[in-house]
PDB file of N, CA and C in Angstrom:
ATOM      1  N   UNK A   1     129.300 139.236 134.583  1.00  0.00           N
ATOM      2  CA  UNK A   1     128.093 138.533 134.188  1.00  0.00           C
ATOM      3  C   UNK A   1     127.680 138.884 132.768  1.00  0.00           C
ATOM      4  N   UNK A   2     128.470 139.612 132.080  1.00  0.00           N
ATOM      5  CA  UNK A   2     128.125 139.981 130.711  1.00  0.00           C
ATOM      6  C   UNK A   2     127.979 138.724 129.868  1.00  0.00           C
ATOM      7  N   UNK A   3     126.957 138.721 129.023  1.00  0.00           N
ATOM      8  CA  UNK A   3     126.685 137.640 128.082  1.00  0.00           C
ATOM      9  C   UNK A   3     126.404 136.312 128.784  1.00  0.00           C
ATOM     10  N   UNK A   4     125.811 136.384 129.962  1.00  0.00           N
ATOM     11  CA  UNK A   4     125.424 135.170 130.680  1.00  0.00           C
ATOM     12  C   UNK A   4     124.157 134.610 130.038  1.00  0.00           C
ATOM     13  N   UNK A   5     124.193 133.374 129.621  1.00  0.00           N
ATOM     14  CA  UNK A   5     123.047 132.747 128.979  1.00  0.00           C
ATOM     15  C   UNK A   5     122.786 131.373 129.579  1.00  0.00           C
ATOM     16  N   UNK A   6     121.515 131.011 129.598  1.00  0.00           N
ATOM     17  CA  UNK A   6     121.119 129.682 130.054  1.00  0.00           C
ATOM     18  C   UNK A   6     120.488 128.967 128.869  1.00  0.00           C
ATOM     19  N   UNK A   7     120.967 127.792 128.598  1.00  0.00           N
ATOM     20  CA  UNK A   7     120.390 127.006 127.504  1.00  0.00           C
ATOM     21  C   UNK A   7     118.992 126.546 127.905  1.00  0.00           C
ATOM     22  N   UNK A   8     118.071 126.488 126.973  1.00  0.00           N
ATOM     23  CA  UNK A   8     116.693 126.098 127.282  1.00  0.00           C
ATOM     24  C   UNK A   8     116.624 124.697 127.885  1.00  0.00           C
ATOM     25  N   UNK A   9     117.496 123.804 127.504  1.00  0.00           N
ATOM     26  CA  UNK A   9     117.471 122.456 128.070  1.00  0.00           C
ATOM     27  C   UNK A   9     117.950 122.432 129.522  1.00  0.00           C
ATOM     28  N   UNK A  10     118.562 123.521 130.005  1.00  0.00           N
ATOM     29  CA  UNK A  10     119.012 123.600 131.391  1.00  0.00           C
ATOM     30  C   UNK A  10     117.971 124.227 132.328  1.00  0.00           C
ATOM     31  N   UNK A  11     116.882 124.709 131.764  1.00  0.00           N
ATOM     32  CA  UNK A  11     115.825 125.295 132.585  1.00  0.00           C
ATOM     33  C   UNK A  11     115.035 124.147 133.212  1.00  0.00           C
ATOM     34  N   UNK A  12     114.881 124.139 134.532  1.00  0.00           N
ATOM     35  CA  UNK A  12     114.152 123.036 135.172  1.00  0.00           C
ATOM     36  C   UNK A  12     112.689 123.003 134.734  1.00  0.00           C
ATOM     37  N   UNK A  13     112.172 121.805 134.578  1.00  0.00           N
ATOM     38  CA  UNK A  13     110.791 121.618 134.134  1.00  0.00           C
ATOM     39  C   UNK A  13     110.071 120.629 135.030  1.00  0.00           C
ATOM     40  N   UNK A  14     108.759 120.762 135.082  1.00  0.00           N
ATOM     41  CA  UNK A  14     107.934 119.833 135.846  1.00  0.00           C
ATOM     42  C   UNK A  14     108.044 118.443 135.217  1.00  0.00           C
ATOM     43  N   UNK A  15     108.290 117.421 136.032  1.00  0.00           N
ATOM     44  CA  UNK A  15     108.414 116.072 135.474  1.00  0.00           C
ATOM     45  C   UNK A  15     107.097 115.501 134.965  1.00  0.00           C
ATOM     46  N   UNK A  16     105.975 116.099 135.334  1.00  0.00           N
ATOM     47  CA  UNK A  16     104.668 115.584 134.927  1.00  0.00           C
ATOM     48  C   UNK A  16     104.138 116.259 133.664  1.00  0.00           C
ATOM     49  N   UNK A  17     104.218 117.594 133.616  1.00  0.00           N
ATOM     50  CA  UNK A  17     103.608 118.300 132.484  1.00  0.00           C
ATOM     51  C   UNK A  17     104.619 119.005 131.591  1.00  0.00           C
ATOM     52  N   UNK A  18     105.883 119.109 132.048  1.00  0.00           N
ATOM     53  CA  UNK A  18     106.898 119.759 131.236  1.00  0.00           C
ATOM     54  C   UNK A  18     106.910 121.282 131.337  1.00  0.00           C
ATOM     55  N   UNK A  19     106.028 121.850 132.155  1.00  0.00           N
ATOM     56  CA  UNK A  19     105.973 123.302 132.289  1.00  0.00           C
ATOM     57  C   UNK A  19     107.239 123.817 132.963  1.00  0.00           C
ATOM     58  N   UNK A  20     107.716 124.983 132.532  1.00  0.00           N
ATOM     59  CA  UNK A  20     108.916 125.581 133.104  1.00  0.00           C
ATOM     60  C   UNK A  20     108.689 125.930 134.573  1.00  0.00           C
ATOM     61  N   UNK A  21     109.605 125.489 135.435  1.00  0.00           N
ATOM     62  CA  UNK A  21     109.499 125.791 136.855  1.00  0.00           C
ATOM     63  C   UNK A  21     109.997 127.205 137.114  1.00  0.00           C
ATOM     64  N   UNK A  22     109.389 127.846 138.098  1.00  0.00           N
ATOM     65  CA  UNK A  22     109.783 129.207 138.460  1.00  0.00           C
ATOM     66  C   UNK A  22     110.085 129.246 139.951  1.00  0.00           C
ATOM     67  N   UNK A  23     110.877 130.210 140.393  1.00  0.00           N
ATOM     68  CA  UNK A  23     111.150 130.331 141.831  1.00  0.00           C
ATOM     69  C   UNK A  23     109.872 130.668 142.601  1.00  0.00           C
ATOM     70  N   UNK A  24     109.888 130.384 143.887  1.00  0.00           N
ATOM     71  CA  UNK A  24     108.758 130.711 144.762  1.00  0.00           C
ATOM     72  C   UNK A  24     108.745 132.228 144.930  1.00  0.00           C
ATOM     73  N   UNK A  25     107.871 132.880 144.209  1.00  0.00           N
ATOM     74  CA  UNK A  25     107.772 134.345 144.257  1.00  0.00           C
ATOM     75  C   UNK A  25     106.319 134.751 144.383  1.00  0.00           C
ATOM     76  N   UNK A  26     106.098 135.956 144.867  1.00  0.00           N
ATOM     77  CA  UNK A  26     104.749 136.497 144.957  1.00  0.00           C
ATOM     78  C   UNK A  26     104.630 137.575 143.897  1.00  0.00           C
ATOM     79  N   UNK A  27     103.863 137.277 142.858  1.00  0.00           N
ATOM     80  CA  UNK A  27     103.619 138.264 141.808  1.00  0.00           C
ATOM     81  C   UNK A  27     102.252 137.991 141.203  1.00  0.00           C
ATOM     82  N   UNK A  28     101.913 138.659 140.109  1.00  0.00           N
ATOM     83  CA  UNK A  28     100.591 138.513 139.507  1.00  0.00           C
ATOM     84  C   UNK A  28     100.380 137.169 138.820  1.00  0.00           C
ATOM     85  N   UNK A  29     101.441 136.385 138.671  1.00  0.00           N
ATOM     86  CA  UNK A  29     101.260 135.070 138.047  1.00  0.00           C
ATOM     87  C   UNK A  29     101.256 133.959 139.076  1.00  0.00           C
ATOM     88  N   UNK A  30     101.656 134.256 140.282  1.00  0.00           N
ATOM     89  CA  UNK A  30     101.732 133.227 141.314  1.00  0.00           C
ATOM     90  C   UNK A  30     101.231 133.790 142.635  1.00  0.00           C
ATOM     91  N   UNK A  31     100.337 133.093 143.268  1.00  0.00           N
ATOM     92  CA  UNK A  31      99.859 133.361 144.607  1.00  0.00           C
ATOM     93  C   UNK A  31      98.918 134.549 144.724  1.00  0.00           C
ATOM     94  N   UNK A  32      99.241 135.692 144.146  1.00  0.00           N
ATOM     95  CA  UNK A  32      98.365 136.842 144.311  1.00  0.00           C
ATOM     96  C   UNK A  32      97.886 137.365 142.956  1.00  0.00           C
ATOM     97  N   UNK A  33      97.588 136.469 142.053  1.00  0.00           N
ATOM     98  CA  UNK A  33      97.086 136.853 140.742  1.00  0.00           C
ATOM     99  C   UNK A  33      95.580 137.072 140.759  1.00  0.00           C
ATOM    100  N   UNK A  34      94.960 136.998 139.593  1.00  0.00           N
ATOM    101  CA  UNK A  34      93.526 137.269 139.447  1.00  0.00           C
ATOM    102  C   UNK A  34      92.668 136.331 140.286  1.00  0.00           C
ATOM    103  N   UNK A  35      93.015 135.060 140.326  1.00  0.00           N
ATOM    104  CA  UNK A  35      92.236 134.094 141.109  1.00  0.00           C
ATOM    105  C   UNK A  35      92.279 134.459 142.588  1.00  0.00           C
ATOM    106  N   UNK A  36      93.445 134.848 143.079  1.00  0.00           N
ATOM    107  CA  UNK A  36      93.571 135.239 144.475  1.00  0.00           C
ATOM    108  C   UNK A  36      92.733 136.482 144.761  1.00  0.00           C
ATOM    109  N   UNK A  37      92.780 137.465 143.869  1.00  0.00           N
ATOM    110  CA  UNK A  37      91.999 138.697 144.078  1.00  0.00           C
ATOM    111  C   UNK A  37      90.505 138.393 144.120  1.00  0.00           C
ATOM    112  N   UNK A  38      90.027 137.496 143.259  1.00  0.00           N
ATOM    113  CA  UNK A  38      88.615 137.099 143.291  1.00  0.00           C
ATOM    114  C   UNK A  38      88.289 136.387 144.604  1.00  0.00           C
ATOM    115  N   UNK A  39      89.197 135.562 145.063  1.00  0.00           N
ATOM    116  CA  UNK A  39      88.980 134.829 146.313  1.00  0.00           C
ATOM    117  C   UNK A  39      88.926 135.771 147.505  1.00  0.00           C
ATOM    118  N   UNK A  40      89.780 136.774 147.524  1.00  0.00           N
ATOM    119  CA  UNK A  40      89.784 137.704 148.651  1.00  0.00           C
ATOM    120  C   UNK A  40      88.501 138.528 148.669  1.00  0.00           C
ATOM    121  N   UNK A  41      87.956 138.825 147.503  1.00  0.00           N
ATOM    122  CA  UNK A  41      86.659 139.526 147.452  1.00  0.00           C
ATOM    123  C   UNK A  41      85.551 138.648 148.035  1.00  0.00           C
ATOM    124  N   UNK A  42      85.549 137.351 147.707  1.00  0.00           N
ATOM    125  CA  UNK A  42      84.564 136.428 148.285  1.00  0.00           C
ATOM    126  C   UNK A  42      84.740 136.312 149.792  1.00  0.00           C
ATOM    127  N   UNK A  43      85.972 136.271 150.240  1.00  0.00           N
ATOM    128  CA  UNK A  43      86.261 136.188 151.675  1.00  0.00           C
ATOM    129  C   UNK A  43      85.747 137.439 152.389  1.00  0.00           C
ATOM    130  N   UNK A  44      86.025 138.607 151.851  1.00  0.00           N
ATOM    131  CA  UNK A  44      85.581 139.854 152.488  1.00  0.00           C
ATOM    132  C   UNK A  44      84.056 139.943 152.527  1.00  0.00           C
ATOM    133  N   UNK A  45      83.396 139.471 151.486  1.00  0.00           N
ATOM    134  CA  UNK A  45      81.929 139.445 151.475  1.00  0.00           C
ATOM    135  C   UNK A  45      81.415 138.474 152.547  1.00  0.00           C
ATOM    136  N   UNK A  46      82.059 137.329 152.661  1.00  0.00           N
ATOM    137  CA  UNK A  46      81.708 136.344 153.685  1.00  0.00           C
ATOM    138  C   UNK A  46      81.769 136.981 155.079  1.00  0.00           C
ATOM    139  N   UNK A  47      82.838 137.711 155.344  1.00  0.00           N
ATOM    140  CA  UNK A  47      82.998 138.366 156.643  1.00  0.00           C
ATOM    141  C   UNK A  47      81.882 139.373 156.877  1.00  0.00           C
ATOM    142  N   UNK A  48      81.607 140.220 155.892  1.00  0.00           N
ATOM    143  CA  UNK A  48      80.561 141.246 156.037  1.00  0.00           C
ATOM    144  C   UNK A  48      79.189 140.630 156.307  1.00  0.00           C
ATOM    145  N   UNK A  49      78.893 139.504 155.672  1.00  0.00           N
ATOM    146  CA  UNK A  49      77.563 138.891 155.781  1.00  0.00           C
ATOM    147  C   UNK A  49      77.383 138.080 157.063  1.00  0.00           C
ATOM    148  N   UNK A  50      78.414 137.908 157.850  1.00  0.00           N
ATOM    149  CA  UNK A  50      78.313 137.054 159.028  1.00  0.00           C
ATOM    150  C   UNK A  50      78.643 137.763 160.339  1.00  0.00           C
ATOM    151  N   UNK A  51      78.431 139.036 160.390  1.00  0.00           N
ATOM    152  CA  UNK A  51      78.765 139.771 161.606  1.00  0.00           C
ATOM    153  C   UNK A  51      77.882 139.371 162.783  1.00  0.00           C
ATOM    154  N   UNK A  52      76.694 138.824 162.535  1.00  0.00           N
ATOM    155  CA  UNK A  52      75.793 138.416 163.619  1.00  0.00           C
ATOM    156  C   UNK A  52      75.649 136.903 163.736  1.00  0.00           C
ATOM    157  N   UNK A  53      76.564 136.151 163.140  1.00  0.00           N
ATOM    158  CA  UNK A  53      76.456 134.685 163.122  1.00  0.00           C
ATOM    159  C   UNK A  53      77.565 134.041 163.942  1.00  0.00           C
ATOM    160  N   UNK A  54      77.321 132.793 164.327  1.00  0.00           N
ATOM    161  CA  UNK A  54      78.389 131.974 164.910  1.00  0.00           C
ATOM    162  C   UNK A  54      79.221 131.428 163.755  1.00  0.00           C
ATOM    163  N   UNK A  55      80.531 131.572 163.857  1.00  0.00           N
ATOM    164  CA  UNK A  55      81.430 131.156 162.787  1.00  0.00           C
ATOM    165  C   UNK A  55      82.581 130.345 163.383  1.00  0.00           C
ATOM    166  N   UNK A  56      82.852 129.192 162.770  1.00  0.00           N
ATOM    167  CA  UNK A  56      84.020 128.396 163.130  1.00  0.00           C
ATOM    168  C   UNK A  56      84.970 128.429 161.943  1.00  0.00           C
ATOM    169  N   UNK A  57      86.138 129.002 162.148  1.00  0.00           N
ATOM    170  CA  UNK A  57      87.160 129.046 161.108  1.00  0.00           C
ATOM    171  C   UNK A  57      88.112 127.883 161.323  1.00  0.00           C
ATOM    172  N   UNK A  58      88.263 127.061 160.302  1.00  0.00           N
ATOM    173  CA  UNK A  58      89.167 125.909 160.369  1.00  0.00           C
ATOM    174  C   UNK A  58      90.424 126.224 159.576  1.00  0.00           C
ATOM    175  N   UNK A  59      91.538 126.186 160.238  1.00  0.00           N
ATOM    176  CA  UNK A  59      92.826 126.421 159.598  1.00  0.00           C
ATOM    177  C   UNK A  59      93.533 125.069 159.556  1.00  0.00           C
ATOM    178  N   UNK A  60      93.428 124.397 158.418  1.00  0.00           N
ATOM    179  CA  UNK A  60      93.903 123.019 158.309  1.00  0.00           C
ATOM    180  C   UNK A  60      95.201 122.947 157.519  1.00  0.00           C
ATOM    181  N   UNK A  61      96.275 122.565 158.187  1.00  0.00           N
ATOM    182  CA  UNK A  61      97.550 122.354 157.517  1.00  0.00           C
ATOM    183  C   UNK A  61      98.165 123.608 156.930  1.00  0.00           C
ATOM    184  N   UNK A  62      97.926 124.749 157.522  1.00  0.00           N
ATOM    185  CA  UNK A  62      98.467 126.006 157.007  1.00  0.00           C
ATOM    186  C   UNK A  62      99.877 126.198 157.542  1.00  0.00           C
ATOM    187  N   UNK A  63     100.816 126.433 156.656  1.00  0.00           N
ATOM    188  CA  UNK A  63     102.205 126.624 157.064  1.00  0.00           C
ATOM    189  C   UNK A  63     102.528 128.078 157.355  1.00  0.00           C
ATOM    190  N   UNK A  64     103.809 128.343 157.529  1.00  0.00           N
ATOM    191  CA  UNK A  64     104.268 129.678 157.896  1.00  0.00           C
ATOM    192  C   UNK A  64     104.808 130.489 156.725  1.00  0.00           C
ATOM    193  N   UNK A  65     104.742 129.957 155.518  1.00  0.00           N
ATOM    194  CA  UNK A  65     105.337 130.649 154.372  1.00  0.00           C
ATOM    195  C   UNK A  65     104.618 131.947 154.010  1.00  0.00           C
ATOM    196  N   UNK A  66     103.310 131.950 154.103  1.00  0.00           N
ATOM    197  CA  UNK A  66     102.546 133.119 153.660  1.00  0.00           C
ATOM    198  C   UNK A  66     101.461 133.467 154.678  1.00  0.00           C
ATOM    199  N   UNK A  67     101.819 133.980 155.828  1.00  0.00           N
ATOM    200  CA  UNK A  67     100.820 134.246 156.866  1.00  0.00           C
ATOM    201  C   UNK A  67      99.763 135.270 156.447  1.00  0.00           C
ATOM    202  N   UNK A  68     100.084 136.155 155.549  1.00  0.00           N
ATOM    203  CA  UNK A  68      99.120 137.171 155.125  1.00  0.00           C
ATOM    204  C   UNK A  68      97.999 136.629 154.259  1.00  0.00           C
ATOM    205  N   UNK A  69      98.123 135.409 153.777  1.00  0.00           N
ATOM    206  CA  UNK A  69      97.105 134.834 152.901  1.00  0.00           C
ATOM    207  C   UNK A  69      95.990 134.173 153.699  1.00  0.00           C
ATOM    208  N   UNK A  70      96.304 133.405 154.736  1.00  0.00           N
ATOM    209  CA  UNK A  70      95.273 132.708 155.508  1.00  0.00           C
ATOM    210  C   UNK A  70      95.346 133.061 156.996  1.00  0.00           C
ATOM    211  N   UNK A  71      96.495 132.882 157.598  1.00  0.00           N
ATOM    212  CA  UNK A  71      96.613 132.995 159.050  1.00  0.00           C
ATOM    213  C   UNK A  71      96.186 134.353 159.588  1.00  0.00           C
ATOM    214  N   UNK A  72      96.791 135.423 159.132  1.00  0.00           N
ATOM    215  CA  UNK A  72      96.478 136.748 159.675  1.00  0.00           C
ATOM    216  C   UNK A  72      95.042 137.177 159.399  1.00  0.00           C
ATOM    217  N   UNK A  73      94.490 136.943 158.190  1.00  0.00           N
ATOM    218  CA  UNK A  73      93.076 137.279 157.991  1.00  0.00           C
ATOM    219  C   UNK A  73      92.143 136.483 158.910  1.00  0.00           C
ATOM    220  N   UNK A  74      92.453 135.206 159.164  1.00  0.00           N
ATOM    221  CA  UNK A  74      91.631 134.407 160.079  1.00  0.00           C
ATOM    222  C   UNK A  74      91.722 134.945 161.500  1.00  0.00           C
ATOM    223  N   UNK A  75      92.915 135.323 161.935  1.00  0.00           N
ATOM    224  CA  UNK A  75      93.061 135.908 163.271  1.00  0.00           C
ATOM    225  C   UNK A  75      92.244 137.188 163.376  1.00  0.00           C
ATOM    226  N   UNK A  76      92.328 138.004 162.341  1.00  0.00           N
ATOM    227  CA  UNK A  76      91.597 139.277 162.342  1.00  0.00           C
ATOM    228  C   UNK A  76      90.091 139.051 162.390  1.00  0.00           C
ATOM    229  N   UNK A  77      89.607 138.117 161.572  1.00  0.00           N
ATOM    230  CA  UNK A  77      88.176 137.836 161.548  1.00  0.00           C
ATOM    231  C   UNK A  77      87.709 137.281 162.893  1.00  0.00           C
ATOM    232  N   UNK A  78      88.501 136.414 163.495  1.00  0.00           N
ATOM    233  CA  UNK A  78      88.149 135.854 164.800  1.00  0.00           C
ATOM    234  C   UNK A  78      88.061 136.955 165.842  1.00  0.00           C
ATOM    235  N   UNK A  79      88.973 137.894 165.786  1.00  0.00           N
ATOM    236  CA  UNK A  79      88.969 139.000 166.749  1.00  0.00           C
ATOM    237  C   UNK A  79      87.778 139.933 166.532  1.00  0.00           C
ATOM    238  N   UNK A  80      87.409 140.183 165.282  1.00  0.00           N
ATOM    239  CA  UNK A  80      86.362 141.157 164.969  1.00  0.00           C
ATOM    240  C   UNK A  80      84.952 140.630 165.203  1.00  0.00           C
ATOM    241  N   UNK A  81      84.728 139.369 164.896  1.00  0.00           N
ATOM    242  CA  UNK A  81      83.376 138.829 165.010  1.00  0.00           C
ATOM    243  C   UNK A  81      83.139 138.302 166.425  1.00  0.00           C
ATOM    244  N   UNK A  82      82.090 138.751 167.082  1.00  0.00           N
ATOM    245  CA  UNK A  82      81.877 138.367 168.480  1.00  0.00           C
ATOM    246  C   UNK A  82      81.666 136.868 168.698  1.00  0.00           C
ATOM    247  N   UNK A  83      81.073 136.175 167.736  1.00  0.00           N
ATOM    248  CA  UNK A  83      80.807 134.744 167.892  1.00  0.00           C
ATOM    249  C   UNK A  83      81.659 133.890 166.959  1.00  0.00           C
ATOM    250  N   UNK A  84      82.881 134.332 166.687  1.00  0.00           N
ATOM    251  CA  UNK A  84      83.799 133.558 165.845  1.00  0.00           C
ATOM    252  C   UNK A  84      84.765 132.782 166.727  1.00  0.00           C
ATOM    253  N   UNK A  85      85.150 131.599 166.234  1.00  0.00           N
ATOM    254  CA  UNK A  85      86.119 130.758 166.935  1.00  0.00           C
ATOM    255  C   UNK A  85      87.063 130.179 165.878  1.00  0.00           C
ATOM    256  N   UNK A  86      88.336 130.098 166.214  1.00  0.00           N
ATOM    257  CA  UNK A  86      89.354 129.590 165.300  1.00  0.00           C
ATOM    258  C   UNK A  86      89.915 128.283 165.831  1.00  0.00           C
ATOM    259  N   UNK A  87      89.957 127.264 164.957  1.00  0.00           N
ATOM    260  CA  UNK A  87      90.577 125.995 165.295  1.00  0.00           C
ATOM    261  C   UNK A  87      91.638 125.699 164.242  1.00  0.00           C
ATOM    262  N   UNK A  88      92.886 125.605 164.682  1.00  0.00           N
ATOM    263  CA  UNK A  88      93.988 125.288 163.783  1.00  0.00           C
ATOM    264  C   UNK A  88      94.456 123.864 164.004  1.00  0.00           C
ATOM    265  N   UNK A  89      94.624 123.116 162.910  1.00  0.00           N
ATOM    266  CA  UNK A  89      95.146 121.752 162.972  1.00  0.00           C
ATOM    267  C   UNK A  89      96.355 121.710 162.057  1.00  0.00           C
ATOM    268  N   UNK A  90      97.510 121.354 162.631  1.00  0.00           N
ATOM    269  CA  UNK A  90      98.728 121.357 161.840  1.00  0.00           C
ATOM    270  C   UNK A  90      99.672 120.289 162.362  1.00  0.00           C
ATOM    271  N   UNK A  91     100.347 119.615 161.470  1.00  0.00           N
ATOM    272  CA  UNK A  91     101.257 118.539 161.858  1.00  0.00           C
ATOM    273  C   UNK A  91     102.439 119.067 162.661  1.00  0.00           C
ATOM    274  N   UNK A  92     102.840 120.312 162.399  1.00  0.00           N
ATOM    275  CA  UNK A  92     103.994 120.860 163.099  1.00  0.00           C
ATOM    276  C   UNK A  92     103.615 121.504 164.427  1.00  0.00           C
ATOM    277  N   UNK A  93     102.371 121.429 164.781  1.00  0.00           N
ATOM    278  CA  UNK A  93     101.949 121.979 166.067  1.00  0.00           C
ATOM    279  C   UNK A  93     101.474 123.397 165.937  1.00  0.00           C
ATOM    280  N   UNK A  94     102.324 124.323 166.292  1.00  0.00           N
ATOM    281  CA  UNK A  94     101.908 125.708 166.294  1.00  0.00           C
ATOM    282  C   UNK A  94     101.128 125.997 167.567  1.00  0.00           C
ATOM    283  N   UNK A  95     100.635 127.182 167.672  1.00  0.00           N
ATOM    284  CA  UNK A  95      99.866 127.540 168.849  1.00  0.00           C
ATOM    285  C   UNK A  95      98.808 128.553 168.476  1.00  0.00           C
ATOM    286  N   UNK A  96      97.791 128.614 169.290  1.00  0.00           N
ATOM    287  CA  UNK A  96      96.739 129.593 169.078  1.00  0.00           C
ATOM    288  C   UNK A  96      97.260 130.955 169.511  1.00  0.00           C
ATOM    289  N   UNK A  97      96.898 131.999 168.788  1.00  0.00           N
ATOM    290  CA  UNK A  97      97.371 133.330 169.174  1.00  0.00           C
ATOM    291  C   UNK A  97      96.813 133.738 170.540  1.00  0.00           C
ATOM    292  N   UNK A  98      97.688 134.137 171.434  1.00  0.00           N
ATOM    293  CA  UNK A  98      97.292 134.473 172.799  1.00  0.00           C
ATOM    294  C   UNK A  98      96.278 135.613 172.853  1.00  0.00           C
ATOM    295  N   UNK A  99      96.376 136.560 171.916  1.00  0.00           N
ATOM    296  CA  UNK A  99      95.477 137.713 171.958  1.00  0.00           C
ATOM    297  C   UNK A  99      94.021 137.326 171.678  1.00  0.00           C
ATOM    298  N   UNK A 100      93.778 136.129 171.130  1.00  0.00           N
ATOM    299  CA  UNK A 100      92.406 135.682 170.884  1.00  0.00           C
ATOM    300  C   UNK A 100      91.820 134.936 172.076  1.00  0.00           C
ATOM    301  N   UNK A 101      92.636 134.650 173.062  1.00  0.00           N
ATOM    302  CA  UNK A 101      92.157 134.000 174.277  1.00  0.00           C
ATOM    303  C   UNK A 101      91.430 132.699 173.989  1.00  0.00           C
ATOM    304  N   UNK A 102      90.259 132.545 174.591  1.00  0.00           N
ATOM    305  CA  UNK A 102      89.499 131.300 174.457  1.00  0.00           C
ATOM    306  C   UNK A 102      88.799 131.174 173.103  1.00  0.00           C
ATOM    307  N   UNK A 103      88.945 132.152 172.231  1.00  0.00           N
ATOM    308  CA  UNK A 103      88.322 132.091 170.910  1.00  0.00           C
ATOM    309  C   UNK A 103      89.155 131.294 169.910  1.00  0.00           C
ATOM    310  N   UNK A 104      90.334 130.820 170.334  1.00  0.00           N
ATOM    311  CA  UNK A 104      91.210 130.094 169.412  1.00  0.00           C
ATOM    312  C   UNK A 104      91.859 128.904 170.106  1.00  0.00           C
ATOM    313  N   UNK A 105      91.998 127.827 169.337  1.00  0.00           N
ATOM    314  CA  UNK A 105      92.659 126.618 169.822  1.00  0.00           C
ATOM    315  C   UNK A 105      93.529 126.048 168.715  1.00  0.00           C
ATOM    316  N   UNK A 106      94.574 125.324 169.109  1.00  0.00           N
ATOM    317  CA  UNK A 106      95.457 124.676 168.136  1.00  0.00           C
ATOM    318  C   UNK A 106      95.612 123.212 168.522  1.00  0.00           C
ATOM    319  N   UNK A 107      95.591 122.355 167.517  1.00  0.00           N
ATOM    320  CA  UNK A 107      95.763 120.923 167.711  1.00  0.00           C
ATOM    321  C   UNK A 107      96.919 120.470 166.829  1.00  0.00           C
ATOM    322  N   UNK A 108      97.849 119.711 167.417  1.00  0.00           N
ATOM    323  CA  UNK A 108      98.929 119.133 166.617  1.00  0.00           C
ATOM    324  C   UNK A 108      98.464 117.779 166.125  1.00  0.00           C
ATOM    325  N   UNK A 109      98.260 117.672 164.812  1.00  0.00           N
ATOM    326  CA  UNK A 109      97.803 116.424 164.208  1.00  0.00           C
ATOM    327  C   UNK A 109      98.057 116.457 162.715  1.00  0.00           C
ATOM    328  N   UNK A 110      98.100 115.285 162.118  1.00  0.00           N
ATOM    329  CA  UNK A 110      98.235 115.134 160.677  1.00  0.00           C
ATOM    330  C   UNK A 110      96.845 115.240 160.050  1.00  0.00           C
ATOM    331  N   UNK A 111      96.602 116.278 159.272  1.00  0.00           N
ATOM    332  CA  UNK A 111      95.281 116.495 158.669  1.00  0.00           C
ATOM    333  C   UNK A 111      94.840 115.332 157.789  1.00  0.00           C
ATOM    334  N   UNK A 112      95.783 114.710 157.094  1.00  0.00           N
ATOM    335  CA  UNK A 112      95.433 113.582 156.223  1.00  0.00           C
ATOM    336  C   UNK A 112      94.889 112.423 157.046  1.00  0.00           C
ATOM    337  N   UNK A 113      95.508 112.163 158.182  1.00  0.00           N
ATOM    338  CA  UNK A 113      95.033 111.069 159.035  1.00  0.00           C
ATOM    339  C   UNK A 113      93.711 111.427 159.702  1.00  0.00           C
ATOM    340  N   UNK A 114      93.549 112.686 160.086  1.00  0.00           N
ATOM    341  CA  UNK A 114      92.305 113.117 160.737  1.00  0.00           C
ATOM    342  C   UNK A 114      91.112 113.042 159.796  1.00  0.00           C
ATOM    343  N   UNK A 115      91.360 113.244 158.509  1.00  0.00           N
ATOM    344  CA  UNK A 115      90.252 113.318 157.559  1.00  0.00           C
ATOM    345  C   UNK A 115      89.844 111.967 156.983  1.00  0.00           C
ATOM    346  N   UNK A 116      90.599 110.923 157.259  1.00  0.00           N
ATOM    347  CA  UNK A 116      90.230 109.593 156.759  1.00  0.00           C
ATOM    348  C   UNK A 116      88.940 109.139 157.391  1.00  0.00           C
ATOM    349  N   UNK A 117      88.100 108.563 156.581  1.00  0.00           N
ATOM    350  CA  UNK A 117      86.826 108.062 157.083  1.00  0.00           C
ATOM    351  C   UNK A 117      87.074 106.854 157.981  1.00  0.00           C
ATOM    352  N   UNK A 118      86.498 106.876 159.139  1.00  0.00           N
ATOM    353  CA  UNK A 118      86.716 105.826 160.127  1.00  0.00           C
ATOM    354  C   UNK A 118      85.650 104.740 160.079  1.00  0.00           C
ATOM    355  N   UNK A 119      84.644 104.885 159.255  1.00  0.00           N
ATOM    356  CA  UNK A 119      83.558 103.916 159.194  1.00  0.00           C
ATOM    357  C   UNK A 119      82.248 104.656 159.009  1.00  0.00           C
ATOM    358  N   UNK A 120      81.150 103.922 159.024  1.00  0.00           N
ATOM    359  CA  UNK A 120      79.859 104.573 158.800  1.00  0.00           C
ATOM    360  C   UNK A 120      79.528 105.538 159.917  1.00  0.00           C
ATOM    361  N   UNK A 121      78.904 106.646 159.527  1.00  0.00           N
ATOM    362  CA  UNK A 121      78.470 107.629 160.509  1.00  0.00           C
ATOM    363  C   UNK A 121      77.344 107.031 161.349  1.00  0.00           C
ATOM    364  N   UNK A 122      77.333 107.366 162.623  1.00  0.00           N
ATOM    365  CA  UNK A 122      76.280 106.873 163.493  1.00  0.00           C
ATOM    366  C   UNK A 122      75.545 108.048 164.105  1.00  0.00           C
ATOM    367  N   UNK A 123      74.325 107.813 164.466  1.00  0.00           N
ATOM    368  CA  UNK A 123      73.532 108.839 165.121  1.00  0.00           C
ATOM    369  C   UNK A 123      73.198 108.306 166.498  1.00  0.00           C
ATOM    370  N   UNK A 124      73.884 108.799 167.516  1.00  0.00           N
ATOM    371  CA  UNK A 124      73.717 108.316 168.870  1.00  0.00           C
ATOM    372  C   UNK A 124      72.365 108.694 169.453  1.00  0.00           C
ATOM    373  N   UNK A 125      71.673 109.652 168.833  1.00  0.00           N
ATOM    374  CA  UNK A 125      70.377 110.119 169.370  1.00  0.00           C
ATOM    375  C   UNK A 125      69.258 109.118 169.109  1.00  0.00           C
ATOM    376  N   UNK A 126      69.477 108.208 168.173  1.00  0.00           N
ATOM    377  CA  UNK A 126      68.417 107.254 167.839  1.00  0.00           C
ATOM    378  C   UNK A 126      68.276 106.160 168.862  1.00  0.00           C
TER     379      UNK A 126
END
């Protein structure tokens, strides 16, 4: 591999902005950089401030690539908070974690189709 070189024109680029593409990696420039660290601080504060509240955690379209970013923290929060409930909606199905019992449910559905507005909101109480 001595003197292995890649010409700059052979480096893959985004077809929209021309930015150099990089492999899917977890480092300080992708996924767990400064923005992620700020977000995790907000998340931890959210958890601390809601120990006595009813909380519904919605896990919408979360895949299996990075469970430590959303899935596992949501499971942990659901387990720790007495009035927390987790609802996962994912096109590939998945299942609610058994250890959470009735505090978690999973629905197999396309989030894009579920979120489309179906018409004007109605108030049946009127």
